[in-house]
Protein backbone atom coordinates (compact mmCIF):
# COMPACT_ATOMS: atom_id res chain seq x y z
CA MET A 1 199.21 152.30 -15.31
CA ASN A 2 198.59 149.82 -12.49
CA ALA A 3 200.17 146.42 -12.89
CA VAL A 4 199.98 143.27 -10.77
CA GLY A 5 203.01 141.21 -9.80
CA HIS A 6 202.75 137.65 -8.50
CA ILE A 7 205.77 136.73 -6.38
CA ASP A 8 206.41 133.03 -5.75
CA ALA A 9 209.38 131.87 -3.65
CA ASN A 10 211.26 128.99 -5.32
CA TYR A 11 211.04 125.73 -3.32
CA PHE A 12 210.37 127.91 -0.28
CA TYR A 13 210.88 125.41 2.55
CA GLY A 14 213.94 123.97 0.85
CA GLN A 15 215.61 127.35 0.39
CA ILE A 16 215.12 128.14 4.05
CA GLU A 17 216.48 124.79 5.21
CA ALA A 18 219.54 125.22 2.98
CA LEU A 19 220.25 128.57 4.65
CA TYR A 20 220.56 126.88 8.02
CA ARG A 21 222.15 123.63 6.82
CA PRO A 22 225.05 124.30 4.46
CA ASP A 23 225.75 120.54 4.29
CA ILE A 24 222.63 119.92 2.13
CA ARG A 25 223.27 122.66 -0.43
CA GLY A 26 223.55 121.29 -3.95
CA LYS A 27 222.30 117.86 -2.84
CA ALA A 28 219.12 115.91 -3.46
CA PHE A 29 216.85 116.55 -0.49
CA ILE A 30 213.20 116.99 0.35
CA VAL A 31 211.30 118.61 3.16
CA GLY A 32 208.75 116.02 4.21
CA GLY A 33 205.94 115.62 6.68
CA ASP A 34 205.90 113.32 9.67
CA GLN A 35 205.39 109.82 8.29
CA GLU A 36 204.10 108.52 11.65
CA SER A 37 201.36 111.14 11.77
CA ARG A 38 200.19 110.15 8.25
CA LYS A 39 201.43 113.39 6.75
CA GLY A 40 204.46 111.80 5.17
CA ILE A 41 204.38 113.68 1.89
CA VAL A 42 206.94 115.71 0.00
CA LEU A 43 206.29 119.37 0.83
CA THR A 44 209.12 120.66 -1.36
CA LYS A 45 212.16 119.27 -3.14
CA SER A 46 215.58 120.61 -4.04
CA PRO A 47 216.43 121.27 -7.71
CA LEU A 48 218.54 118.09 -7.85
CA ALA A 49 215.72 116.00 -6.37
CA LYS A 50 213.38 117.53 -8.95
CA LYS A 51 215.73 116.48 -11.77
CA MET A 52 215.60 112.92 -10.45
CA GLY A 53 211.81 112.85 -10.80
CA VAL A 54 210.72 113.54 -7.22
CA LYS A 55 207.40 115.39 -7.17
CA THR A 56 205.78 117.60 -4.55
CA GLY A 57 202.75 115.96 -2.97
CA THR A 58 203.90 112.38 -3.38
CA SER A 59 204.64 110.26 -0.34
CA VAL A 60 208.08 110.30 1.25
CA GLN A 61 208.21 106.53 0.65
CA GLU A 62 207.66 107.08 -3.08
CA ALA A 63 210.41 109.69 -3.16
CA LEU A 64 212.84 107.34 -1.43
CA GLY A 65 211.89 104.68 -3.95
CA ILE A 66 213.06 106.99 -6.73
CA TYR A 67 216.33 107.83 -4.95
CA PRO A 68 217.11 105.88 -1.75
CA LYS A 69 219.90 108.29 -0.76
CA LEU A 70 217.51 111.24 -0.72
CA ILE A 71 217.97 113.42 2.37
CA VAL A 72 214.65 113.79 4.23
CA ILE A 73 214.31 116.87 6.43
CA PRO A 74 211.33 117.32 8.82
CA ALA A 75 209.36 120.51 8.38
CA ASN A 76 210.04 123.47 10.68
CA TYR A 77 206.80 125.45 10.35
CA PRO A 78 207.52 128.24 12.85
CA LEU A 79 210.66 129.11 10.91
CA TYR A 80 208.79 129.08 7.58
CA LEU A 81 206.03 131.30 8.98
CA HIS A 82 208.68 133.77 10.15
CA PHE A 83 210.17 133.93 6.64
CA SER A 84 206.68 134.24 5.14
CA GLN A 85 205.98 137.30 7.28
CA ARG A 86 209.39 138.82 6.51
CA MET A 87 208.85 138.22 2.79
CA ARG A 88 205.63 140.24 2.94
CA GLU A 89 207.31 142.99 4.93
CA VAL A 90 210.05 143.30 2.31
CA VAL A 91 207.51 143.60 -0.52
CA LEU A 92 205.58 146.22 1.44
CA GLU A 93 208.67 148.44 1.26
CA TYR A 94 207.84 148.92 -2.46
CA THR A 95 204.02 148.94 -2.50
CA ASP A 96 201.13 149.50 -0.12
CA THR A 97 199.01 146.67 -1.54
CA ILE A 98 199.59 142.93 -1.23
CA LYS A 99 197.32 139.89 -1.35
CA PRO A 100 198.86 136.78 0.27
CA PHE A 101 198.27 133.43 -1.45
CA GLY A 102 199.67 130.76 0.84
CA SER A 103 202.85 131.13 2.85
CA ASP A 104 205.23 131.49 -0.12
CA GLU A 105 203.22 133.47 -2.69
CA LEU A 106 201.58 136.86 -2.91
CA TRP A 107 200.21 139.38 -5.38
CA ALA A 108 201.32 143.01 -5.22
CA GLN A 109 199.94 146.08 -6.98
CA ILE A 110 202.75 147.96 -8.72
CA TYR A 111 202.34 151.57 -9.85
CA GLY A 112 203.83 153.58 -12.70
CA ASP A 113 204.40 153.14 -16.44
CA ARG A 114 205.78 149.92 -17.89
CA THR A 115 209.40 150.93 -17.29
CA GLU A 116 208.72 151.98 -13.68
CA VAL A 117 206.78 148.78 -13.00
CA MET A 118 209.59 146.53 -14.21
CA ALA A 119 212.16 148.60 -12.27
CA THR A 120 210.13 148.11 -9.07
CA ILE A 121 209.83 144.37 -9.75
CA ALA A 122 213.61 144.18 -10.13
CA LYS A 123 214.08 146.01 -6.82
CA ILE A 124 211.70 143.62 -5.03
CA ARG A 125 213.53 140.62 -6.44
CA GLN A 126 216.90 142.00 -5.39
CA ALA A 127 215.65 142.99 -1.91
CA LEU A 128 214.28 139.50 -1.22
CA TRP A 129 217.66 138.04 -2.12
CA ARG A 130 219.73 140.56 -0.18
CA GLN A 131 217.59 140.61 2.96
CA LEU A 132 216.33 137.00 3.10
CA CYS A 133 218.54 135.08 0.64
CA LEU A 134 215.37 133.95 -1.16
CA THR A 135 215.09 133.59 -4.92
CA VAL A 136 211.64 134.14 -6.39
CA SER A 137 209.80 133.74 -9.68
CA ILE A 138 207.73 136.79 -10.57
CA GLY A 139 204.90 137.15 -13.05
CA VAL A 140 203.75 140.61 -14.16
CA GLY A 141 200.50 141.45 -15.95
CA ASP A 142 197.32 143.49 -16.05
CA ASN A 143 195.38 141.18 -13.70
CA LEU A 144 195.83 138.57 -10.97
CA PRO A 145 195.35 135.38 -13.07
CA TYR A 146 197.81 136.49 -15.78
CA ALA A 147 200.37 137.49 -13.15
CA LYS A 148 200.01 134.05 -11.54
CA LEU A 149 200.46 132.39 -14.94
CA GLY A 150 203.60 134.48 -15.43
CA SER A 151 205.22 133.35 -12.18
CA ASP A 152 204.46 129.72 -13.07
CA LEU A 153 206.17 130.17 -16.43
CA ALA A 154 209.13 132.19 -15.14
CA SER A 155 212.37 130.41 -14.44
CA ASP A 156 213.70 130.18 -10.89
CA ASP A 157 214.82 133.70 -9.93
CA GLY A 158 213.28 134.96 -13.17
CA VAL A 159 210.52 137.32 -14.37
CA CYS A 160 207.83 136.69 -17.00
CA GLU A 161 205.54 139.39 -18.39
CA LEU A 162 202.02 138.46 -19.59
CA TRP A 163 200.06 141.51 -20.66
CA ASN A 164 196.57 141.60 -22.16
CA GLU A 165 197.93 143.00 -25.40
CA ASP A 166 199.98 139.81 -25.85
CA LYS A 167 197.39 137.30 -24.65
CA GLU A 168 196.61 135.72 -28.04
CA ARG A 169 200.30 135.04 -28.62
CA LEU A 170 201.49 134.14 -25.12
CA VAL A 171 198.47 133.14 -23.02
CA TYR A 172 195.92 131.51 -25.31
CA PRO A 173 198.22 128.64 -26.47
CA LEU A 174 198.76 127.49 -22.84
CA PRO A 175 196.92 124.42 -21.47
CA VAL A 176 193.66 125.35 -19.75
CA GLY A 177 194.88 123.54 -16.64
CA ASN A 178 197.51 126.27 -16.17
CA LEU A 179 194.76 128.73 -15.29
CA LEU A 180 194.20 129.60 -11.64
CA TYR A 181 191.58 127.40 -9.92
CA VAL A 182 191.25 125.00 -12.88
CA GLY A 183 191.94 121.58 -11.37
CA PRO A 184 192.11 118.09 -12.94
CA ALA A 185 188.35 117.46 -12.65
CA THR A 186 187.54 120.73 -14.45
CA VAL A 187 190.19 120.02 -17.09
CA ALA A 188 188.57 116.63 -17.76
CA LYS A 189 185.11 118.18 -18.18
CA LEU A 190 186.39 120.90 -20.51
CA ARG A 191 188.44 118.42 -22.54
CA GLN A 192 185.30 116.37 -23.26
CA HIS A 193 183.98 119.44 -25.10
CA GLY A 194 187.15 120.19 -27.02
CA ILE A 195 188.38 122.94 -24.70
CA ILE A 196 192.08 122.16 -24.40
CA THR A 197 193.82 125.53 -24.21
CA ILE A 198 193.13 128.83 -22.46
CA GLY A 199 192.33 130.23 -25.90
CA ASP A 200 189.69 127.54 -26.43
CA LEU A 201 188.09 128.59 -23.14
CA ALA A 202 188.27 132.30 -24.02
CA ASN A 203 186.59 131.62 -27.39
CA THR A 204 183.74 129.61 -25.85
CA PRO A 205 180.65 131.63 -24.83
CA PRO A 206 180.52 131.93 -21.01
CA GLU A 207 177.00 130.50 -20.86
CA VAL A 208 178.26 127.36 -22.61
CA VAL A 209 181.12 127.06 -20.09
CA CYS A 210 178.55 127.28 -17.28
CA GLN A 211 176.52 124.49 -18.89
CA ILE A 212 179.61 122.29 -19.19
CA LEU A 213 180.64 122.81 -15.57
CA LYS A 214 177.04 122.82 -14.32
CA ASN A 215 177.64 125.92 -12.20
CA LYS A 216 177.88 129.69 -12.54
CA GLY A 217 181.62 129.60 -11.88
CA GLY A 218 182.09 129.07 -15.61
CA THR A 219 181.64 132.80 -16.19
CA TYR A 220 184.48 133.61 -13.80
CA LEU A 221 186.80 131.08 -15.48
CA TRP A 222 185.94 132.58 -18.86
CA GLN A 223 186.74 136.09 -17.57
CA MET A 224 190.10 134.89 -16.23
CA ALA A 225 190.94 133.25 -19.56
CA CYS A 226 190.10 136.47 -21.43
CA GLY A 227 192.13 138.65 -19.09
CA GLN A 228 188.96 140.33 -17.83
CA ASP A 229 189.26 139.38 -14.17
CA GLY A 230 188.53 142.49 -12.13
CA THR A 231 189.77 141.31 -8.74
CA LYS A 232 191.74 144.06 -7.07
CA VAL A 233 194.66 143.89 -4.69
CA ALA A 234 193.11 145.91 -1.87
CA HIS A 235 194.89 148.92 -0.43
CA LEU A 236 196.08 148.30 3.13
CA GLY A 237 193.63 150.89 4.41
CA ASP A 238 190.72 149.24 2.61
CA VAL A 239 191.28 145.59 3.58
CA ASP A 240 188.14 143.62 4.43
CA ASP A 241 187.57 142.53 8.00
CA VAL A 242 188.47 139.02 9.04
CA LYS A 243 185.40 136.87 8.33
CA SER A 244 186.31 133.76 10.30
CA ILE A 245 189.17 132.01 12.04
CA GLY A 246 189.49 128.24 11.99
CA ASN A 247 191.72 125.21 11.83
CA SER A 248 191.55 121.56 10.83
CA ASN A 249 193.92 118.64 11.20
CA THR A 250 194.35 115.00 10.23
CA MET A 251 194.95 113.04 13.40
CA PRO A 252 197.92 110.72 14.09
CA ARG A 253 195.44 107.86 14.48
CA ASP A 254 191.73 107.30 13.93
CA LEU A 255 189.50 108.72 16.66
CA VAL A 256 187.20 106.03 18.06
CA ASN A 257 185.21 107.62 20.91
CA ASP A 258 183.99 110.91 22.37
CA ASP A 259 187.06 111.30 24.59
CA ASP A 260 189.32 111.15 21.54
CA VAL A 261 187.21 113.79 19.80
CA ARG A 262 187.22 116.05 22.87
CA MET A 263 191.04 115.94 22.99
CA ALA A 264 191.22 116.76 19.29
CA PHE A 265 188.79 119.68 19.66
CA TYR A 266 190.88 121.04 22.55
CA MET A 267 193.96 120.89 20.33
CA LEU A 268 192.20 122.84 17.57
CA ALA A 269 190.40 125.29 19.87
CA GLU A 270 193.66 126.22 21.60
CA SER A 271 194.96 127.52 18.27
CA VAL A 272 191.72 129.14 17.08
CA ALA A 273 190.91 130.88 20.37
CA GLU A 274 194.46 132.18 20.77
CA ARG A 275 194.40 133.70 17.28
CA MET A 276 191.00 135.27 17.97
CA ARG A 277 192.29 136.91 21.15
CA GLU A 278 195.39 138.11 19.33
CA ALA A 279 193.25 139.68 16.60
CA GLY A 280 190.74 141.12 19.09
CA PHE A 281 187.68 139.14 17.96
CA GLU A 282 184.99 136.94 19.45
CA ALA A 283 182.93 134.38 17.51
CA THR A 284 179.13 134.35 17.56
CA THR A 285 178.88 131.16 15.46
CA LEU A 286 180.85 127.93 15.74
CA GLN A 287 181.30 125.41 12.93
CA ILE A 288 182.76 121.91 13.01
CA SER A 289 183.82 119.65 10.15
CA VAL A 290 184.12 115.88 10.50
CA ARG A 291 185.73 113.37 8.09
CA ASP A 292 185.60 109.63 8.75
CA ASN A 293 188.21 107.05 7.80
CA GLU A 294 186.47 106.46 4.45
CA LEU A 295 186.85 110.20 3.69
CA LEU A 296 183.12 110.96 3.94
CA SER A 297 182.69 114.37 5.55
CA PHE A 298 180.11 116.88 6.75
CA GLU A 299 179.95 120.31 8.37
CA ARG A 300 177.58 121.62 11.03
CA GLN A 301 177.30 124.98 12.77
CA MET A 302 175.45 126.59 15.65
CA LYS A 303 174.91 130.06 17.08
CA LEU A 304 176.80 130.36 20.33
CA PRO A 305 174.95 131.27 23.55
CA ARG A 306 177.28 134.25 23.86
CA PRO A 307 180.23 135.64 21.84
CA THR A 308 183.45 133.93 22.87
CA ASN A 309 187.15 133.48 22.22
CA LEU A 310 187.66 131.06 25.12
CA THR A 311 188.94 127.56 24.41
CA VAL A 312 186.75 125.77 26.94
CA GLU A 313 183.54 127.40 25.65
CA MET A 314 184.42 126.53 22.05
CA VAL A 315 185.09 122.91 22.95
CA THR A 316 181.82 122.65 24.89
CA ALA A 317 179.87 123.93 21.87
CA ALA A 318 181.84 121.74 19.44
CA MET A 319 181.11 118.60 21.47
CA GLU A 320 177.41 119.50 21.65
CA LEU A 321 177.30 119.80 17.86
CA PHE A 322 179.31 116.62 17.38
CA LYS A 323 177.10 114.48 19.63
CA GLN A 324 173.97 115.75 17.90
CA HIS A 325 175.16 114.81 14.43
CA TYR A 326 177.58 111.87 14.68
CA HIS A 327 176.72 108.42 15.99
CA TRP A 328 179.98 106.52 15.46
CA GLN A 329 179.21 104.65 12.27
CA LYS A 330 182.94 104.76 11.46
CA PRO A 331 186.15 105.99 13.13
CA ILE A 332 187.12 109.61 12.44
CA ARG A 333 190.21 110.62 10.50
CA SER A 334 190.17 114.42 10.72
CA LEU A 335 188.34 117.26 12.45
CA GLY A 336 187.98 120.99 11.92
CA LEU A 337 186.78 123.84 14.13
CA ARG A 338 185.96 127.38 13.04
CA GLY A 339 184.62 130.52 14.69
CA SER A 340 182.68 132.83 12.35
CA ASN A 341 180.43 135.90 12.32
CA LEU A 342 183.16 137.60 14.31
CA ILE A 343 182.58 140.75 16.34
CA PRO A 344 185.11 143.01 18.09
CA GLU A 345 186.09 141.75 21.52
CA GLY A 346 184.14 143.53 24.26
CA SER A 347 181.09 144.29 22.11
CA VAL A 348 177.78 144.78 23.92
CA TYR A 349 175.54 141.69 24.24
CA GLN A 350 172.78 140.41 26.50
CA LEU A 351 174.02 138.71 29.68
CA SER A 352 172.27 135.75 31.26
CA ILE A 353 171.35 135.69 34.95
CA LEU A 354 172.38 132.01 34.93
CA ASP A 355 176.01 132.69 34.03
CA ASP A 356 178.66 133.12 36.70
CA GLU A 357 180.40 136.21 35.30
CA GLU A 358 182.99 136.33 38.05
CA GLU A 359 184.08 132.76 37.37
CA ARG A 360 184.12 133.40 33.62
CA HIS A 361 186.32 136.47 34.12
CA LYS A 362 188.84 134.24 35.89
CA THR A 363 188.88 131.97 32.81
CA VAL A 364 189.48 134.99 30.57
CA LEU A 365 192.44 136.08 32.71
CA LEU A 366 193.80 132.52 32.79
CA GLU A 367 193.73 132.07 29.00
CA ARG A 368 195.38 135.45 28.45
CA CYS A 369 198.08 134.49 30.95
CA ILE A 370 198.65 131.30 28.97
CA ASP A 371 198.96 133.41 25.78
CA ARG A 372 201.69 135.51 27.41
CA ILE A 373 203.61 132.45 28.63
CA ARG A 374 203.49 130.87 25.16
CA GLY A 375 204.44 134.14 23.52
CA ARG A 376 207.56 134.33 25.65
CA PHE A 377 208.59 130.68 25.99
CA GLY A 378 206.97 128.94 23.00
CA HIS A 379 203.68 127.16 22.38
CA ASP A 380 204.81 123.91 24.01
CA SER A 381 205.82 125.61 27.27
CA ILE A 382 202.37 125.06 28.80
CA LYS A 383 199.77 122.46 27.83
CA ARG A 384 196.42 121.14 28.98
CA ALA A 385 196.63 117.83 30.83
CA THR A 386 194.06 116.28 28.52
CA LEU A 387 196.49 116.67 25.60
CA LEU A 388 199.30 114.84 27.42
CA CYS A 389 197.47 111.52 27.67
CA GLU A 390 198.71 109.89 24.47
CA ARG A 391 199.93 110.44 20.91
CA LEU A 392 197.47 113.18 20.03
CA LYS A 393 199.87 115.46 21.89
CA SER A 394 202.24 115.08 18.92
CA VAL A 395 199.93 117.17 16.75
CA ASN A 396 200.56 120.90 16.98
CA ALA A 397 197.61 122.70 15.43
CA ASN A 398 199.68 125.89 15.25
CA ASN A 399 201.72 124.22 12.51
CA ASP A 400 198.69 124.36 10.24
CA ILE A 401 197.35 127.78 10.99
CA GLY A 402 194.14 128.51 9.12
CA ASP A 403 193.07 127.61 5.63
CA GLU A 404 191.91 129.29 2.45
CA LYS A 405 188.69 130.53 4.08
CA THR A 406 190.57 132.60 6.66
CA PHE A 407 191.45 136.11 5.49
CA TYR A 408 194.57 137.69 6.91
CA SER A 409 195.26 141.42 6.59
CA TYR A 410 198.79 142.77 6.63
């Protein structure tokens, strides 16, 4: 048989911080964002902070209101990304198929009969503790959604099995909001029609679910509830190509003019272009997303004059798009930049007689030199002058690498 395990590190950031700071072990602490940059939320909380009522996602101020003596630790994203990569490497010692889901979670295909599967799961759990000192909750089942449900139900450093054969007893009584991708808005819509549990959803005809949700996604939710989700954890040799590479960020202050926006696009493009070069891709399409200070947003895209993974060319295209579609009705709160329709670097394309290829080649060499300097001495070792002007320099786009639309292969 082939089983799926979902491995979720317990309070991931907090565990890592406690490894490096013995003085906070066993105490009430949170890892929180930078309050000054308007990302002052609780990213994770220690078990003791959780017992006191502190919740992930609430503001740091709210958490301190619950317990004023709470220890607040700033996030160290490079360290967390290192542990995330190591966690995946450890799991890959026991399987050749994983599907990352955020920095602290992943699915893994496990092979063998039921006894062999559970023995492998135990080995993975023990290896993560011995090699990384990380405890994990693991769910095991026939499909991805049930495995994810299992890890949510498992205790810290525990394992929960949810197999199709037991779904009516173990899965169907659970609240429908426990199901993967079912958020509060969907729960509210389903509740209006008497669908409270996963079993209620499974026993509702899929076409009715689609009518309730007013989209075809109802069929997929119904399949997940029934344990019929057919999503596979791809073999490492069969992983899809990267479809796009992008980044977005909420700014430390509202952006009020084109110069502000240009600085922000440089910040984002530095990260996106560097990752493209590292992966060996060039973008043929560029997309921007804009959100104003009243949280109204839009996206626009354009085909690039030529494939590129150069920061300056991405910023030039992004500013062209921005000026075409935004006329400063309101200040801007956040921006995003994404390169898509990727092709391998060095692919054949039509040159223009108007382009100075020699000068462009110098830019290519310069940006690759910058990559090498940053790789050796850190991202902050060399910066563009435009990003040193004021507080926008405090935002490091590499702390927020990618989003759910970016596919990473390991």
